[in-house]
Protein backbone atom coordinates (compact mmCIF):
# COMPACT_ATOMS: atom_id res chain seq x y z
CA MET A 1 -7.66 -14.20 -9.68
CA GLU A 2 -5.52 -12.17 -8.47
CA MET A 3 -1.93 -10.74 -9.25
CA THR A 4 -0.20 -8.30 -7.68
CA SER A 5 3.22 -6.89 -8.26
CA THR A 6 5.77 -4.19 -8.25
CA ARG A 7 8.04 -3.28 -11.47
CA THR A 8 11.46 -0.94 -10.88
CA ILE A 9 12.14 1.04 -14.54
CA ALA A 10 14.89 2.27 -14.93
CA ALA A 11 13.94 6.22 -15.95
CA PRO A 12 12.35 9.21 -13.75
CA ARG A 13 8.84 8.64 -12.99
CA GLU A 14 7.84 12.09 -14.78
CA ARG A 15 9.32 9.45 -18.34
CA VAL A 16 7.28 6.67 -17.39
CA TRP A 17 4.67 8.56 -16.93
CA ALA A 18 4.79 9.98 -20.67
CA ALA A 19 5.49 6.85 -22.50
CA LEU A 20 2.50 5.18 -20.52
CA ASN A 21 1.00 7.85 -22.36
CA ASP A 22 2.27 6.88 -25.61
CA PRO A 23 0.08 4.57 -27.83
CA ALA A 24 3.13 3.68 -30.03
CA VAL A 25 4.77 2.50 -26.99
CA LEU A 26 2.47 0.29 -25.81
CA THR A 27 1.51 -1.19 -29.04
CA GLN A 28 5.46 -1.88 -29.53
CA CYS A 29 5.80 -3.02 -25.99
CA VAL A 30 2.31 -5.48 -25.58
CA PRO A 31 3.06 -8.33 -26.93
CA GLY A 32 0.44 -9.35 -29.44
CA CYS A 33 -1.21 -5.57 -29.40
CA GLU A 34 -2.25 -5.06 -32.80
CA GLY A 35 -4.37 -1.74 -31.68
CA LEU A 36 -5.17 0.51 -29.17
CA VAL A 37 -8.04 3.02 -30.29
CA PRO A 38 -9.56 6.51 -28.59
CA ASP A 39 -13.13 5.10 -27.22
CA GLY A 40 -14.51 8.30 -25.50
CA ASP A 41 -12.89 9.91 -22.52
CA ASP A 42 -11.18 8.33 -20.63
CA ALA A 43 -11.79 5.34 -22.20
CA TRP A 44 -10.17 2.58 -25.45
CA LYS A 45 -10.65 -0.06 -27.32
CA ILE A 46 -7.52 -2.80 -27.70
CA VAL A 47 -7.17 -5.67 -30.11
CA MET A 48 -4.72 -8.39 -28.95
CA ALA A 49 -3.58 -11.82 -30.74
CA ALA A 50 -2.65 -14.16 -27.79
CA LYS A 51 -1.24 -17.69 -28.60
CA VAL A 52 -0.56 -20.22 -25.33
CA GLY A 53 0.48 -23.59 -26.65
CA PRO A 54 -2.07 -25.00 -29.16
CA VAL A 55 -4.62 -22.21 -28.68
CA SER A 56 -4.79 -19.03 -30.61
CA ALA A 57 -7.18 -16.47 -30.61
CA ARG A 58 -7.58 -12.57 -31.12
CA PHE A 59 -9.26 -10.53 -28.19
CA THR A 60 -11.01 -7.53 -28.27
CA GLY A 61 -11.68 -5.30 -25.48
CA ARG A 62 -12.36 -2.04 -23.86
CA MET A 63 -10.81 -0.21 -20.75
CA ALA A 64 -11.50 2.70 -18.73
CA LEU A 65 -10.02 5.07 -16.03
CA SER A 66 -10.88 6.28 -12.68
CA ASP A 67 -9.60 7.72 -9.30
CA VAL A 68 -7.04 9.23 -11.73
CA ARG A 69 -4.56 10.59 -9.53
CA PRO A 70 -1.42 12.35 -11.85
CA PRO A 71 1.22 10.97 -10.87
CA GLU A 72 0.79 8.74 -8.51
CA GLY A 73 -1.75 6.20 -10.23
CA TYR A 74 -5.80 5.56 -11.14
CA THR A 75 -8.03 2.85 -11.18
CA LEU A 76 -8.64 1.05 -14.86
CA ALA A 77 -11.81 -0.73 -15.35
CA PHE A 78 -11.65 -3.85 -17.99
CA ASP A 79 -13.92 -6.00 -19.70
CA GLY A 80 -12.25 -8.18 -22.82
CA GLN A 81 -14.08 -10.69 -25.30
CA GLY A 82 -12.18 -13.58 -27.11
CA GLY A 83 -15.03 -15.18 -28.70
CA ALA A 84 -14.78 -19.35 -28.16
CA ALA A 85 -12.05 -18.28 -25.61
CA GLY A 86 -13.89 -16.38 -22.95
CA PHE A 87 -14.07 -13.67 -21.76
CA ALA A 88 -12.13 -11.25 -19.40
CA ARG A 89 -12.87 -8.43 -16.62
CA GLY A 90 -12.12 -6.65 -13.56
CA GLU A 91 -10.42 -4.21 -12.05
CA ALA A 92 -6.13 -3.35 -11.64
CA ARG A 93 -5.20 0.10 -9.59
CA VAL A 94 -2.09 1.38 -10.31
CA ALA A 95 0.78 3.70 -8.24
CA LEU A 96 4.03 5.29 -9.72
CA ALA A 97 6.55 5.88 -7.34
CA PRO A 98 9.75 7.28 -7.20
CA ALA A 99 13.05 4.95 -6.99
CA ALA A 100 16.55 5.02 -6.42
CA GLY A 101 16.51 8.88 -5.32
CA GLY A 102 14.34 9.84 -8.45
CA ALA A 103 16.44 7.97 -11.16
CA ALA A 104 14.32 4.72 -11.72
CA THR A 105 10.64 4.31 -11.13
CA ASP A 106 8.46 1.77 -8.98
CA LEU A 107 5.40 0.86 -11.09
CA SER A 108 3.21 -1.22 -8.96
CA TYR A 109 -0.10 -2.44 -9.52
CA SER A 110 -2.96 -5.19 -8.37
CA VAL A 111 -5.39 -6.91 -10.64
CA LYS A 112 -8.62 -8.51 -9.62
CA ALA A 113 -10.32 -10.04 -12.45
CA GLN A 114 -12.76 -12.89 -13.32
CA VAL A 115 -12.78 -14.79 -16.14
CA GLY A 116 -15.17 -16.80 -18.35
CA GLY A 117 -15.44 -19.63 -21.29
CA LYS A 118 -12.12 -21.57 -22.20
CA LEU A 119 -10.07 -19.44 -19.87
CA ALA A 120 -11.62 -20.51 -16.48
CA GLN A 121 -11.13 -23.90 -17.69
CA VAL A 122 -7.61 -23.65 -17.52
CA GLY A 123 -5.46 -25.26 -14.64
CA SER A 124 -4.23 -22.39 -12.41
CA ARG A 125 -0.72 -23.04 -12.70
CA LEU A 126 -0.57 -23.01 -16.33
CA VAL A 127 -2.48 -19.42 -16.07
CA ASP A 128 0.02 -18.44 -13.81
CA GLY A 129 2.95 -19.42 -15.56
CA ALA A 130 1.41 -17.81 -19.11
CA ALA A 131 0.22 -14.91 -16.90
CA ALA A 132 3.73 -14.13 -15.48
CA LYS A 133 5.40 -14.86 -18.90
CA LEU A 134 3.43 -12.28 -20.48
CA ALA A 135 4.08 -9.56 -17.90
CA ASP A 136 7.91 -10.24 -17.61
CA ASP A 137 8.27 -9.91 -21.59
CA PHE A 138 6.13 -6.71 -21.51
CA PHE A 139 8.52 -4.93 -18.72
CA ALA A 140 11.24 -6.12 -20.28
CA ARG A 141 10.29 -4.01 -23.50
CA PHE A 142 8.84 -1.67 -21.63
CA ALA A 143 12.01 -0.86 -19.52
CA ALA A 144 14.00 -0.77 -22.85
CA ALA A 145 11.96 1.38 -24.33
CA VAL A 146 11.98 4.04 -21.73
CA ALA A 147 15.22 3.85 -20.67
CA PRO A 148 17.39 6.99 -21.76
CA PRO A 149 20.12 6.42 -23.77
CA ALA A 150 22.38 7.19 -20.95
CA VAL A 151 20.91 4.39 -18.96
CA GLU A 152 22.32 1.78 -22.16
CA ALA A 153 25.78 3.02 -22.39
CA GLU A 154 25.66 2.86 -18.38
CA LEU A 155 25.46 -0.94 -19.09
CA ALA A 156 27.86 -1.12 -21.79
CA SER A 157 30.84 1.10 -19.51
CA PRO A 158 30.46 2.43 -16.06
CA ALA A 159 31.14 5.96 -16.70
CA PRO A 160 28.43 8.50 -15.30
CA ALA A 161 25.40 9.48 -17.62
CA LYS A 162 23.39 12.40 -17.78
CA SER A 163 19.64 12.50 -17.22
CA PRO A 164 17.06 13.42 -20.06
CA ALA A 165 15.48 15.98 -19.23
CA PRO A 166 12.06 14.79 -18.05
CA VAL A 167 8.77 15.08 -20.30
CA ARG A 168 5.99 16.11 -19.36
CA SER A 169 2.68 14.59 -20.80
CA SER A 170 -1.11 13.13 -19.50
CA TRP A 171 0.78 9.79 -18.96
CA VAL A 172 -2.92 8.24 -16.69
CA ARG A 173 -4.61 7.32 -19.82
CA TYR A 174 -1.87 5.18 -21.61
CA ALA A 175 -0.42 3.62 -18.27
CA ALA A 176 -4.15 2.38 -17.65
CA ILE A 177 -4.03 1.15 -21.33
CA ALA A 178 -0.64 -0.39 -20.66
CA LEU A 179 -1.84 -2.49 -17.88
CA MET A 180 -4.99 -3.22 -19.19
CA LEU A 181 -3.28 -5.00 -21.92
CA ILE A 182 -0.76 -6.40 -19.27
CA ILE A 183 -4.14 -7.76 -17.69
CA LEU A 184 -5.73 -9.02 -21.08
CA GLY A 185 -2.69 -10.52 -22.18
CA TYR A 186 -2.32 -12.32 -18.41
CA LEU A 187 -6.37 -13.39 -18.71
CA TYR A 188 -6.18 -14.34 -22.30
CA SER A 189 -2.79 -16.72 -22.53
CA ARG A 190 -4.69 -18.02 -18.60
CA GLY A 191 -7.82 -18.93 -21.02
CA ALA A 192 -5.34 -19.97 -24.02
CA ARG A 193 -3.58 -22.97 -22.52
């Protein structure tokens, strides 16, 4: 399975990078995320619940970062188990680039994954639809969490707004976590249908 997309987040790259490093933000934004715990250098364990149609499962996974290029991108390797629902493993490449004169950020990702068990028995159309919905849900929540208050005010009224000062942080780790959660959710959603 392969999935590639670019999403524009209405926040500067530094703010997006910082949010992708904040486990509280990621736990809030990833549908079904129950926990995100460090597991060594540049690695995390994740617990996630997913329900697609009549099938529900709890998945545990591990992800690790490599090829980290702050604040441009990284590679994320992941491996997740969902008991009888199956497994998913693969790799994702993530890149952040300034958009709209630096006031927004383009978050691009490319995922290659293998699935097994019930996940592999699900039709590709059902899997793709579930993955797209999960990604849409994540990015809607993430954009709302990351968007500066000025963007929310701008949506309500056309008055110019000030951008908040950029937040500096080691975002790569959590960017990988966010992508891993998206990928795991995508794969688990595929397997649950």
